[in-house]
């Protein structure tokens, strides 16, 4: 899977999809509340 991911990405971009720059840290910070919403905070901290 890992080795073929580059091939998949090439297929996607060849088809005209534009890959955009992403602020991953901002998404991480936003998604963190999921663990509270689902009652997983204690497990996540552990």
ModelCIF file with pLDDT and N, C-alpha, C, O atoms, coordinates in Angstrom:
data_MODEL
#
_entry.id   MODEL 
#
_entity.id                         1 
_entity.type                       polymer 
_entity.pdbx_number_of_molecules   1 
#
_entity_poly.entity_id                      1 
_entity_poly.type                           'polypeptide(L)' 
_entity_poly.nstd_linkage                   no 
_entity_poly.nstd_monomer                   no 
_entity_poly.pdbx_seq_one_letter_code       
;(UNK)(UNK)(UNK)(UNK)(UNK)(UNK)(UNK)(UNK)(UNK)(UNK)(UNK)(UNK)(UNK)(UNK)(UNK)(UNK)
(UNK)(UNK)(UNK)(UNK)(UNK)(UNK)(UNK)(UNK)(UNK)(UNK)(UNK)(UNK)(UNK)(UNK)(UNK)(UNK)
(UNK)(UNK)(UNK)(UNK)(UNK)(UNK)(UNK)(UNK)(UNK)(UNK)(UNK)(UNK)(UNK)(UNK)
;
_entity_poly.pdbx_seq_one_letter_code_can   XXXXXXXXXXXXXXXXXXXXXXXXXXXXXXXXXXXXXXXXXXXXXX 
_entity_poly.pdbx_strand_id                 A 
#
loop_
_entity_poly_seq.entity_id 
_entity_poly_seq.num 
_entity_poly_seq.mon_id 
_entity_poly_seq.hetero 
1 1  UNK n 
1 2  UNK n 
1 3  UNK n 
1 4  UNK n 
1 5  UNK n 
1 6  UNK n 
1 7  UNK n 
1 8  UNK n 
1 9  UNK n 
1 10 UNK n 
1 11 UNK n 
1 12 UNK n 
1 13 UNK n 
1 14 UNK n 
1 15 UNK n 
1 16 UNK n 
1 17 UNK n 
1 18 UNK n 
1 19 UNK n 
1 20 UNK n 
1 21 UNK n 
1 22 UNK n 
1 23 UNK n 
1 24 UNK n 
1 25 UNK n 
1 26 UNK n 
1 27 UNK n 
1 28 UNK n 
1 29 UNK n 
1 30 UNK n 
1 31 UNK n 
1 32 UNK n 
1 33 UNK n 
1 34 UNK n 
1 35 UNK n 
1 36 UNK n 
1 37 UNK n 
1 38 UNK n 
1 39 UNK n 
1 40 UNK n 
1 41 UNK n 
1 42 UNK n 
1 43 UNK n 
1 44 UNK n 
1 45 UNK n 
1 46 UNK n 
#
_struct_asym.id          A 
_struct_asym.entity_id   1 
#
loop_
_ma_qa_metric.id 
_ma_qa_metric.mode 
_ma_qa_metric.name 
_ma_qa_metric.software_group_id 
_ma_qa_metric.type 
1 global pLDDT . pLDDT 
2 local  pLDDT . pLDDT 
#
_ma_qa_metric_global.metric_id      1 
_ma_qa_metric_global.metric_value   95.52 
_ma_qa_metric_global.model_id       1 
_ma_qa_metric_global.ordinal_id     1 
#
loop_
_ma_qa_metric_local.label_asym_id 
_ma_qa_metric_local.label_comp_id 
_ma_qa_metric_local.label_seq_id 
_ma_qa_metric_local.metric_id 
_ma_qa_metric_local.metric_value 
_ma_qa_metric_local.model_id 
_ma_qa_metric_local.ordinal_id 
A UNK 1  2 93.00 1 1  
A UNK 2  2 94.00 1 2  
A UNK 3  2 93.00 1 3  
A UNK 4  2 92.00 1 4  
A UNK 5  2 92.00 1 5  
A UNK 6  2 92.00 1 6  
A UNK 7  2 93.00 1 7  
A UNK 8  2 93.00 1 8  
A UNK 9  2 95.00 1 9  
A UNK 10 2 96.00 1 10 
A UNK 11 2 95.00 1 11 
A UNK 12 2 96.00 1 12 
A UNK 13 2 96.00 1 13 
A UNK 14 2 97.00 1 14 
A UNK 15 2 95.00 1 15 
A UNK 16 2 96.00 1 16 
A UNK 17 2 97.00 1 17 
A UNK 18 2 97.00 1 18 
A UNK 19 2 97.00 1 19 
A UNK 20 2 95.00 1 20 
A UNK 21 2 94.00 1 21 
A UNK 22 2 96.00 1 22 
A UNK 23 2 97.00 1 23 
A UNK 24 2 96.00 1 24 
A UNK 25 2 97.00 1 25 
A UNK 26 2 98.00 1 26 
A UNK 27 2 97.00 1 27 
A UNK 28 2 97.00 1 28 
A UNK 29 2 97.00 1 29 
A UNK 30 2 97.00 1 30 
A UNK 31 2 97.00 1 31 
A UNK 32 2 96.00 1 32 
A UNK 33 2 96.00 1 33 
A UNK 34 2 97.00 1 34 
A UNK 35 2 97.00 1 35 
A UNK 36 2 96.00 1 36 
A UNK 37 2 95.00 1 37 
A UNK 38 2 95.00 1 38 
A UNK 39 2 95.00 1 39 
A UNK 40 2 96.00 1 40 
A UNK 41 2 96.00 1 41 
A UNK 42 2 95.00 1 42 
A UNK 43 2 95.00 1 43 
A UNK 44 2 96.00 1 44 
A UNK 45 2 96.00 1 45 
A UNK 46 2 96.00 1 46 
#
loop_
_atom_site.group_PDB 
_atom_site.id 
_atom_site.type_symbol 
_atom_site.label_atom_id 
_atom_site.label_alt_id 
_atom_site.label_comp_id 
_atom_site.label_asym_id 
_atom_site.label_entity_id 
_atom_site.label_seq_id 
_atom_site.pdbx_PDB_ins_code 
_atom_site.Cartn_x 
_atom_site.Cartn_y 
_atom_site.Cartn_z 
_atom_site.occupancy 
_atom_site.B_iso_or_equiv 
_atom_site.pdbx_formal_charge 
_atom_site.auth_seq_id 
_atom_site.auth_comp_id 
_atom_site.auth_asym_id 
_atom_site.auth_atom_id 
_atom_site.pdbx_PDB_model_num 
ATOM 1   N N  . UNK A 1 1  ? 0.835   -1.203 0.000   1.00 93.00 ? 1  UNK A N  1 
ATOM 2   C CA . UNK A 1 1  ? 0.000   0.000  0.000   1.00 93.00 ? 1  UNK A CA 1 
ATOM 3   C C  . UNK A 1 1  ? 0.869   1.251  0.000   1.00 93.00 ? 1  UNK A C  1 
ATOM 4   O O  . UNK A 1 1  ? 0.634   2.180  -0.773  1.00 93.00 ? 1  UNK A O  1 
ATOM 5   N N  . UNK A 1 2  ? 1.869   1.269  0.867   1.00 94.00 ? 2  UNK A N  1 
ATOM 6   C CA . UNK A 1 2  ? 2.738   2.441  0.996   1.00 94.00 ? 2  UNK A CA 1 
ATOM 7   C C  . UNK A 1 2  ? 3.526   2.680  -0.296  1.00 94.00 ? 2  UNK A C  1 
ATOM 8   O O  . UNK A 1 2  ? 3.656   3.816  -0.753  1.00 94.00 ? 2  UNK A O  1 
ATOM 9   N N  . UNK A 1 3  ? 4.044   1.607  -0.872  1.00 93.00 ? 3  UNK A N  1 
ATOM 10  C CA . UNK A 1 3  ? 4.823   1.736  -2.114  1.00 93.00 ? 3  UNK A CA 1 
ATOM 11  C C  . UNK A 1 3  ? 3.965   2.206  -3.284  1.00 93.00 ? 3  UNK A C  1 
ATOM 12  O O  . UNK A 1 3  ? 4.436   2.948  -4.146  1.00 93.00 ? 3  UNK A O  1 
ATOM 13  N N  . UNK A 1 4  ? 2.707   1.772  -3.310  1.00 92.00 ? 4  UNK A N  1 
ATOM 14  C CA . UNK A 1 4  ? 1.834   2.106  -4.438  1.00 92.00 ? 4  UNK A CA 1 
ATOM 15  C C  . UNK A 1 4  ? 1.163   3.476  -4.283  1.00 92.00 ? 4  UNK A C  1 
ATOM 16  O O  . UNK A 1 4  ? 0.550   3.976  -5.226  1.00 92.00 ? 4  UNK A O  1 
ATOM 17  N N  . UNK A 1 5  ? 1.278   4.079  -3.100  1.00 92.00 ? 5  UNK A N  1 
ATOM 18  C CA . UNK A 1 5  ? 0.584   5.347  -2.884  1.00 92.00 ? 5  UNK A CA 1 
ATOM 19  C C  . UNK A 1 5  ? 1.036   6.425  -3.874  1.00 92.00 ? 5  UNK A C  1 
ATOM 20  O O  . UNK A 1 5  ? 0.230   7.235  -4.332  1.00 92.00 ? 5  UNK A O  1 
ATOM 21  N N  . UNK A 1 6  ? 2.324   6.425  -4.197  1.00 92.00 ? 6  UNK A N  1 
ATOM 22  C CA . UNK A 1 6  ? 2.837   7.376  -5.177  1.00 92.00 ? 6  UNK A CA 1 
ATOM 23  C C  . UNK A 1 6  ? 2.188   7.199  -6.534  1.00 92.00 ? 6  UNK A C  1 
ATOM 24  O O  . UNK A 1 6  ? 1.895   8.174  -7.226  1.00 92.00 ? 6  UNK A O  1 
ATOM 25  N N  . UNK A 1 7  ? 1.962   5.929  -6.916  1.00 93.00 ? 7  UNK A N  1 
ATOM 26  C CA . UNK A 1 7  ? 1.297   5.649  -8.192  1.00 93.00 ? 7  UNK A CA 1 
ATOM 27  C C  . UNK A 1 7  ? -0.144  6.163  -8.177  1.00 93.00 ? 7  UNK A C  1 
ATOM 28  O O  . UNK A 1 7  ? -0.620  6.738  -9.155  1.00 93.00 ? 7  UNK A O  1 
ATOM 29  N N  . UNK A 1 8  ? -0.828  5.945  -7.051  1.00 93.00 ? 8  UNK A N  1 
ATOM 30  C CA . UNK A 1 8  ? -2.216  6.414  -6.944  1.00 93.00 ? 8  UNK A CA 1 
ATOM 31  C C  . UNK A 1 8  ? -2.275  7.933  -7.040  1.00 93.00 ? 8  UNK A C  1 
ATOM 32  O O  . UNK A 1 8  ? -3.136  8.490  -7.720  1.00 93.00 ? 8  UNK A O  1 
ATOM 33  N N  . UNK A 1 9  ? -1.349  8.596  -6.353  1.00 95.00 ? 9  UNK A N  1 
ATOM 34  C CA . UNK A 1 9  ? -1.323  10.058 -6.374  1.00 95.00 ? 9  UNK A CA 1 
ATOM 35  C C  . UNK A 1 9  ? -1.047  10.581 -7.789  1.00 95.00 ? 9  UNK A C  1 
ATOM 36  O O  . UNK A 1 9  ? -1.612  11.593 -8.204  1.00 95.00 ? 9  UNK A O  1 
ATOM 37  N N  . UNK A 1 10 ? -0.172  9.880  -8.526  1.00 96.00 ? 10 UNK A N  1 
ATOM 38  C CA . UNK A 1 10 ? 0.131   10.278 -9.900  1.00 96.00 ? 10 UNK A CA 1 
ATOM 39  C C  . UNK A 1 10 ? -1.100  10.136 -10.787 1.00 96.00 ? 10 UNK A C  1 
ATOM 40  O O  . UNK A 1 10 ? -1.377  11.001 -11.619 1.00 96.00 ? 10 UNK A O  1 
ATOM 41  N N  . UNK A 1 11 ? -1.833  9.049  -10.607 1.00 95.00 ? 11 UNK A N  1 
ATOM 42  C CA . UNK A 1 11 ? -3.067  8.828  -11.371 1.00 95.00 ? 11 UNK A CA 1 
ATOM 43  C C  . UNK A 1 11 ? -4.065  9.949  -11.108 1.00 95.00 ? 11 UNK A C  1 
ATOM 44  O O  . UNK A 1 11 ? -4.716  10.452 -12.024 1.00 95.00 ? 11 UNK A O  1 
ATOM 45  N N  . UNK A 1 12 ? -4.171  10.328 -9.843  1.00 96.00 ? 12 UNK A N  1 
ATOM 46  C CA . UNK A 1 12 ? -5.121  11.368 -9.439  1.00 96.00 ? 12 UNK A CA 1 
ATOM 47  C C  . UNK A 1 12 ? -4.757  12.714 -10.064 1.00 96.00 ? 12 UNK A C  1 
ATOM 48  O O  . UNK A 1 12 ? -5.618  13.405 -10.610 1.00 96.00 ? 12 UNK A O  1 
ATOM 49  N N  . UNK A 1 13 ? -3.486  13.077 -9.981  1.00 96.00 ? 13 UNK A N  1 
ATOM 50  C CA . UNK A 1 13 ? -3.067  14.378 -10.527 1.00 96.00 ? 13 UNK A CA 1 
ATOM 51  C C  . UNK A 1 13 ? -3.089  14.384 -12.051 1.00 96.00 ? 13 UNK A C  1 
ATOM 52  O O  . UNK A 1 13 ? -3.393  15.408 -12.663 1.00 96.00 ? 13 UNK A O  1 
ATOM 53  N N  . UNK A 1 14 ? -2.769  13.246 -12.669 1.00 97.00 ? 14 UNK A N  1 
ATOM 54  C CA . UNK A 1 14 ? -2.842  13.148 -14.130 1.00 97.00 ? 14 UNK A CA 1 
ATOM 55  C C  . UNK A 1 14 ? -4.271  13.368 -14.627 1.00 97.00 ? 14 UNK A C  1 
ATOM 56  O O  . UNK A 1 14 ? -4.493  13.826 -15.748 1.00 97.00 ? 14 UNK A O  1 
ATOM 57  N N  . UNK A 1 15 ? -5.224  13.031 -13.772 1.00 95.00 ? 15 UNK A N  1 
ATOM 58  C CA . UNK A 1 15 ? -6.632  13.181 -14.148 1.00 95.00 ? 15 UNK A CA 1 
ATOM 59  C C  . UNK A 1 15 ? -7.118  14.620 -13.983 1.00 95.00 ? 15 UNK A C  1 
ATOM 60  O O  . UNK A 1 15 ? -8.257  14.942 -14.319 1.00 95.00 ? 15 UNK A O  1 
ATOM 61  N N  . UNK A 1 16 ? -6.239  15.484 -13.460 1.00 96.00 ? 16 UNK A N  1 
ATOM 62  C CA . UNK A 1 16 ? -6.606  16.889 -13.359 1.00 96.00 ? 16 UNK A CA 1 
ATOM 63  C C  . UNK A 1 16 ? -6.906  17.400 -11.967 1.00 96.00 ? 16 UNK A C  1 
ATOM 64  O O  . UNK A 1 16 ? -7.228  18.576 -11.796 1.00 96.00 ? 16 UNK A O  1 
ATOM 65  N N  . UNK A 1 17 ? -6.807  16.536 -10.967 1.00 97.00 ? 17 UNK A N  1 
ATOM 66  C CA . UNK A 1 17 ? -7.037  16.971 -9.585  1.00 97.00 ? 17 UNK A CA 1 
ATOM 67  C C  . UNK A 1 17 ? -5.887  17.871 -9.142  1.00 97.00 ? 17 UNK A C  1 
ATOM 68  O O  . UNK A 1 17 ? -4.721  17.564 -9.393  1.00 97.00 ? 17 UNK A O  1 
ATOM 69  N N  . UNK A 1 18 ? -6.215  18.978 -8.485  1.00 97.00 ? 18 UNK A N  1 
ATOM 70  C CA . UNK A 1 18 ? -5.187  19.876 -7.947  1.00 97.00 ? 18 UNK A CA 1 
ATOM 71  C C  . UNK A 1 18 ? -4.941  19.561 -6.476  1.00 97.00 ? 18 UNK A C  1 
ATOM 72  O O  . UNK A 1 18 ? -5.875  19.544 -5.674  1.00 97.00 ? 18 UNK A O  1 
ATOM 73  N N  . UNK A 1 19 ? -3.685  19.313 -6.125  1.00 97.00 ? 19 UNK A N  1 
ATOM 74  C CA . UNK A 1 19 ? -3.318  19.065 -4.733  1.00 97.00 ? 19 UNK A CA 1 
ATOM 75  C C  . UNK A 1 19 ? -3.020  20.411 -4.077  1.00 97.00 ? 19 UNK A C  1 
ATOM 76  O O  . UNK A 1 19 ? -2.145  21.148 -4.530  1.00 97.00 ? 19 UNK A O  1 
ATOM 77  N N  . UNK A 1 20 ? -3.751  20.728 -3.007  1.00 95.00 ? 20 UNK A N  1 
ATOM 78  C CA . UNK A 1 20 ? -3.597  22.030 -2.356  1.00 95.00 ? 20 UNK A CA 1 
ATOM 79  C C  . UNK A 1 20 ? -2.766  21.902 -1.080  1.00 95.00 ? 20 UNK A C  1 
ATOM 80  O O  . UNK A 1 20 ? -2.739  20.846 -0.447  1.00 95.00 ? 20 UNK A O  1 
ATOM 81  N N  . UNK A 1 21 ? -2.091  22.988 -0.713  1.00 94.00 ? 21 UNK A N  1 
ATOM 82  C CA . UNK A 1 21 ? -1.324  23.013 0.531   1.00 94.00 ? 21 UNK A CA 1 
ATOM 83  C C  . UNK A 1 21 ? -2.290  23.059 1.713   1.00 94.00 ? 21 UNK A C  1 
ATOM 84  O O  . UNK A 1 21 ? -3.262  23.815 1.706   1.00 94.00 ? 21 UNK A O  1 
ATOM 85  N N  . UNK A 1 22 ? -2.010  22.239 2.728   1.00 96.00 ? 22 UNK A N  1 
ATOM 86  C CA . UNK A 1 22 ? -2.918  22.103 3.866   1.00 96.00 ? 22 UNK A CA 1 
ATOM 87  C C  . UNK A 1 22 ? -2.212  22.478 5.165   1.00 96.00 ? 22 UNK A C  1 
ATOM 88  O O  . UNK A 1 22 ? -1.053  22.125 5.386   1.00 96.00 ? 22 UNK A O  1 
ATOM 89  N N  . UNK A 1 23 ? -2.937  23.200 6.017   1.00 97.00 ? 23 UNK A N  1 
ATOM 90  C CA . UNK A 1 23 ? -2.447  23.504 7.360   1.00 97.00 ? 23 UNK A CA 1 
ATOM 91  C C  . UNK A 1 23 ? -2.830  22.335 8.269   1.00 97.00 ? 23 UNK A C  1 
ATOM 92  O O  . UNK A 1 23 ? -3.846  22.375 8.963   1.00 97.00 ? 23 UNK A O  1 
ATOM 93  N N  . UNK A 1 24 ? -2.001  21.302 8.249   1.00 96.00 ? 24 UNK A N  1 
ATOM 94  C CA . UNK A 1 24 ? -2.324  20.081 8.987   1.00 96.00 ? 24 UNK A CA 1 
ATOM 95  C C  . UNK A 1 24 ? -2.431  20.347 10.481  1.00 96.00 ? 24 UNK A C  1 
ATOM 96  O O  . UNK A 1 24 ? -3.298  19.775 11.141  1.00 96.00 ? 24 UNK A O  1 
ATOM 97  N N  . UNK A 1 25 ? -1.579  21.193 11.026  1.00 97.00 ? 25 UNK A N  1 
ATOM 98  C CA . UNK A 1 25 ? -1.626  21.490 12.461  1.00 97.00 ? 25 UNK A CA 1 
ATOM 99  C C  . UNK A 1 25 ? -2.973  22.088 12.859  1.00 97.00 ? 25 UNK A C  1 
ATOM 100 O O  . UNK A 1 25 ? -3.488  21.803 13.940  1.00 97.00 ? 25 UNK A O  1 
ATOM 101 N N  . UNK A 1 26 ? -3.537  22.911 11.991  1.00 98.00 ? 26 UNK A N  1 
ATOM 102 C CA . UNK A 1 26 ? -4.847  23.506 12.284  1.00 98.00 ? 26 UNK A CA 1 
ATOM 103 C C  . UNK A 1 26 ? -5.937  22.433 12.297  1.00 98.00 ? 26 UNK A C  1 
ATOM 104 O O  . UNK A 1 26 ? -6.845  22.478 13.128  1.00 98.00 ? 26 UNK A O  1 
ATOM 105 N N  . UNK A 1 27 ? -5.849  21.469 11.376  1.00 97.00 ? 27 UNK A N  1 
ATOM 106 C CA . UNK A 1 27 ? -6.820  20.377 11.360  1.00 97.00 ? 27 UNK A CA 1 
ATOM 107 C C  . UNK A 1 27 ? -6.659  19.483 12.594  1.00 97.00 ? 27 UNK A C  1 
ATOM 108 O O  . UNK A 1 27 ? -7.646  19.021 13.165  1.00 97.00 ? 27 UNK A O  1 
ATOM 109 N N  . UNK A 1 28 ? -5.428  19.249 12.994  1.00 97.00 ? 28 UNK A N  1 
ATOM 110 C CA . UNK A 1 28 ? -5.180  18.446 14.210  1.00 97.00 ? 28 UNK A CA 1 
ATOM 111 C C  . UNK A 1 28 ? -5.809  19.108 15.426  1.00 97.00 ? 28 UNK A C  1 
ATOM 112 O O  . UNK A 1 28 ? -6.468  18.454 16.234  1.00 97.00 ? 28 UNK A O  1 
ATOM 113 N N  . UNK A 1 29 ? -5.597  20.407 15.545  1.00 97.00 ? 29 UNK A N  1 
ATOM 114 C CA . UNK A 1 29 ? -6.135  21.136 16.693  1.00 97.00 ? 29 UNK A CA 1 
ATOM 115 C C  . UNK A 1 29 ? -7.659  21.099 16.694  1.00 97.00 ? 29 UNK A C  1 
ATOM 116 O O  . UNK A 1 29 ? -8.281  20.933 17.743  1.00 97.00 ? 29 UNK A O  1 
ATOM 117 N N  . UNK A 1 30 ? -8.258  21.254 15.513  1.00 97.00 ? 30 UNK A N  1 
ATOM 118 C CA . UNK A 1 30 ? -9.719  21.250 15.407  1.00 97.00 ? 30 UNK A CA 1 
ATOM 119 C C  . UNK A 1 30 ? -10.296 19.877 15.741  1.00 97.00 ? 30 UNK A C  1 
ATOM 120 O O  . UNK A 1 30 ? -11.336 19.774 16.390  1.00 97.00 ? 30 UNK A O  1 
ATOM 121 N N  . UNK A 1 31 ? -9.614  18.825 15.294  1.00 97.00 ? 31 UNK A N  1 
ATOM 122 C CA . UNK A 1 31 ? -10.132 17.462 15.461  1.00 97.00 ? 31 UNK A CA 1 
ATOM 123 C C  . UNK A 1 31 ? -9.985  16.937 16.882  1.00 97.00 ? 31 UNK A C  1 
ATOM 124 O O  . UNK A 1 31 ? -10.621 15.946 17.241  1.00 97.00 ? 31 UNK A O  1 
ATOM 125 N N  . UNK A 1 32 ? -9.166  17.580 17.686  1.00 96.00 ? 32 UNK A N  1 
ATOM 126 C CA . UNK A 1 32 ? -8.878  17.078 19.035  1.00 96.00 ? 32 UNK A CA 1 
ATOM 127 C C  . UNK A 1 32 ? -10.132 16.958 19.893  1.00 96.00 ? 32 UNK A C  1 
ATOM 128 O O  . UNK A 1 32 ? -10.219 16.075 20.746  1.00 96.00 ? 32 UNK A O  1 
ATOM 129 N N  . UNK A 1 33 ? -11.102 17.842 19.672  1.00 96.00 ? 33 UNK A N  1 
ATOM 130 C CA . UNK A 1 33 ? -12.324 17.803 20.486  1.00 96.00 ? 33 UNK A CA 1 
ATOM 131 C C  . UNK A 1 33 ? -13.133 16.524 20.269  1.00 96.00 ? 33 UNK A C  1 
ATOM 132 O O  . UNK A 1 33 ? -14.006 16.197 21.073  1.00 96.00 ? 33 UNK A O  1 
ATOM 133 N N  . UNK A 1 34 ? -12.846 15.804 19.188  1.00 97.00 ? 34 UNK A N  1 
ATOM 134 C CA . UNK A 1 34 ? -13.549 14.540 18.908  1.00 97.00 ? 34 UNK A CA 1 
ATOM 135 C C  . UNK A 1 34 ? -13.403 13.565 20.076  1.00 97.00 ? 34 UNK A C  1 
ATOM 136 O O  . UNK A 1 34 ? -14.345 12.851 20.418  1.00 97.00 ? 34 UNK A O  1 
ATOM 137 N N  . UNK A 1 35 ? -12.216 13.542 20.682  1.00 97.00 ? 35 UNK A N  1 
ATOM 138 C CA . UNK A 1 35 ? -11.969 12.609 21.776  1.00 97.00 ? 35 UNK A CA 1 
ATOM 139 C C  . UNK A 1 35 ? -12.809 12.934 23.004  1.00 97.00 ? 35 UNK A C  1 
ATOM 140 O O  . UNK A 1 35 ? -13.180 12.036 23.759  1.00 97.00 ? 35 UNK A O  1 
ATOM 141 N N  . UNK A 1 36 ? -13.111 14.217 23.206  1.00 96.00 ? 36 UNK A N  1 
ATOM 142 C CA . UNK A 1 36 ? -14.009 14.609 24.298  1.00 96.00 ? 36 UNK A CA 1 
ATOM 143 C C  . UNK A 1 36 ? -15.447 14.244 23.959  1.00 96.00 ? 36 UNK A C  1 
ATOM 144 O O  . UNK A 1 36 ? -16.178 13.716 24.797  1.00 96.00 ? 36 UNK A O  1 
ATOM 145 N N  . UNK A 1 37 ? -15.844 14.528 22.725  1.00 95.00 ? 37 UNK A N  1 
ATOM 146 C CA . UNK A 1 37 ? -17.223 14.257 22.302  1.00 95.00 ? 37 UNK A CA 1 
ATOM 147 C C  . UNK A 1 37 ? -17.574 12.777 22.402  1.00 95.00 ? 37 UNK A C  1 
ATOM 148 O O  . UNK A 1 37 ? -18.713 12.425 22.710  1.00 95.00 ? 37 UNK A O  1 
ATOM 149 N N  . UNK A 1 38 ? -16.596 11.911 22.142  1.00 95.00 ? 38 UNK A N  1 
ATOM 150 C CA . UNK A 1 38 ? -16.850 10.466 22.136  1.00 95.00 ? 38 UNK A CA 1 
ATOM 151 C C  . UNK A 1 38 ? -16.496 9.785  23.454  1.00 95.00 ? 38 UNK A C  1 
ATOM 152 O O  . UNK A 1 38 ? -16.635 8.569  23.584  1.00 95.00 ? 38 UNK A O  1 
ATOM 153 N N  . UNK A 1 39 ? -16.041 10.563 24.425  1.00 95.00 ? 39 UNK A N  1 
ATOM 154 C CA . UNK A 1 39 ? -15.699 9.987  25.721  1.00 95.00 ? 39 UNK A CA 1 
ATOM 155 C C  . UNK A 1 39 ? -14.386 9.234  25.731  1.00 95.00 ? 39 UNK A C  1 
ATOM 156 O O  . UNK A 1 39 ? -14.182 8.330  26.541  1.00 95.00 ? 39 UNK A O  1 
ATOM 157 N N  . UNK A 1 40 ? -13.487 9.614  24.819  1.00 96.00 ? 40 UNK A N  1 
ATOM 158 C CA . UNK A 1 40 ? -12.198 8.925  24.703  1.00 96.00 ? 40 UNK A CA 1 
ATOM 159 C C  . UNK A 1 40 ? -11.034 9.726  25.319  1.00 96.00 ? 40 UNK A C  1 
ATOM 160 O O  . UNK A 1 40 ? -9.875  9.337  25.182  1.00 96.00 ? 40 UNK A O  1 
ATOM 161 N N  . UNK A 1 41 ? -11.348 10.850 25.999  1.00 96.00 ? 41 UNK A N  1 
ATOM 162 C CA . UNK A 1 41 ? -10.274 11.721 26.462  1.00 96.00 ? 41 UNK A CA 1 
ATOM 163 C C  . UNK A 1 41 ? -9.274  11.003 27.368  1.00 96.00 ? 41 UNK A C  1 
ATOM 164 O O  . UNK A 1 41 ? -8.066  11.154 27.186  1.00 96.00 ? 41 UNK A O  1 
ATOM 165 N N  . UNK A 1 42 ? -9.747  10.238 28.327  1.00 95.00 ? 42 UNK A N  1 
ATOM 166 C CA . UNK A 1 42 ? -8.852  9.553  29.254  1.00 95.00 ? 42 UNK A CA 1 
ATOM 167 C C  . UNK A 1 42 ? -7.947  8.560  28.520  1.00 95.00 ? 42 UNK A C  1 
ATOM 168 O O  . UNK A 1 42 ? -6.748  8.481  28.790  1.00 95.00 ? 42 UNK A O  1 
ATOM 169 N N  . UNK A 1 43 ? -8.533  7.812  27.594  1.00 95.00 ? 43 UNK A N  1 
ATOM 170 C CA . UNK A 1 43 ? -7.749  6.857  26.812  1.00 95.00 ? 43 UNK A CA 1 
ATOM 171 C C  . UNK A 1 43 ? -6.726  7.574  25.934  1.00 95.00 ? 43 UNK A C  1 
ATOM 172 O O  . UNK A 1 43 ? -5.579  7.141  25.824  1.00 95.00 ? 43 UNK A O  1 
ATOM 173 N N  . UNK A 1 44 ? -7.152  8.674  25.312  1.00 96.00 ? 44 UNK A N  1 
ATOM 174 C CA . UNK A 1 44 ? -6.253  9.430  24.437  1.00 96.00 ? 44 UNK A CA 1 
ATOM 175 C C  . UNK A 1 44 ? -5.061  9.965  25.226  1.00 96.00 ? 44 UNK A C  1 
ATOM 176 O O  . UNK A 1 44 ? -3.920  9.879  24.772  1.00 96.00 ? 44 UNK A O  1 
ATOM 177 N N  . UNK A 1 45 ? -5.330  10.516 26.406  1.00 96.00 ? 45 UNK A N  1 
ATOM 178 C CA . UNK A 1 45 ? -4.238  11.050 27.230  1.00 96.00 ? 45 UNK A CA 1 
ATOM 179 C C  . UNK A 1 45 ? -3.279  9.946  27.666  1.00 96.00 ? 45 UNK A C  1 
ATOM 180 O O  . UNK A 1 45 ? -2.069  10.158 27.749  1.00 96.00 ? 45 UNK A O  1 
ATOM 181 N N  . UNK A 1 46 ? -3.834  8.768  27.943  1.00 96.00 ? 46 UNK A N  1 
ATOM 182 C CA . UNK A 1 46 ? -2.994  7.636  28.347  1.00 96.00 ? 46 UNK A CA 1 
ATOM 183 C C  . UNK A 1 46 ? -2.092  7.188  27.211  1.00 96.00 ? 46 UNK A C  1 
ATOM 184 O O  . UNK A 1 46 ? -1.317  6.245  27.374  1.00 96.00 ? 46 UNK A O  1 
#
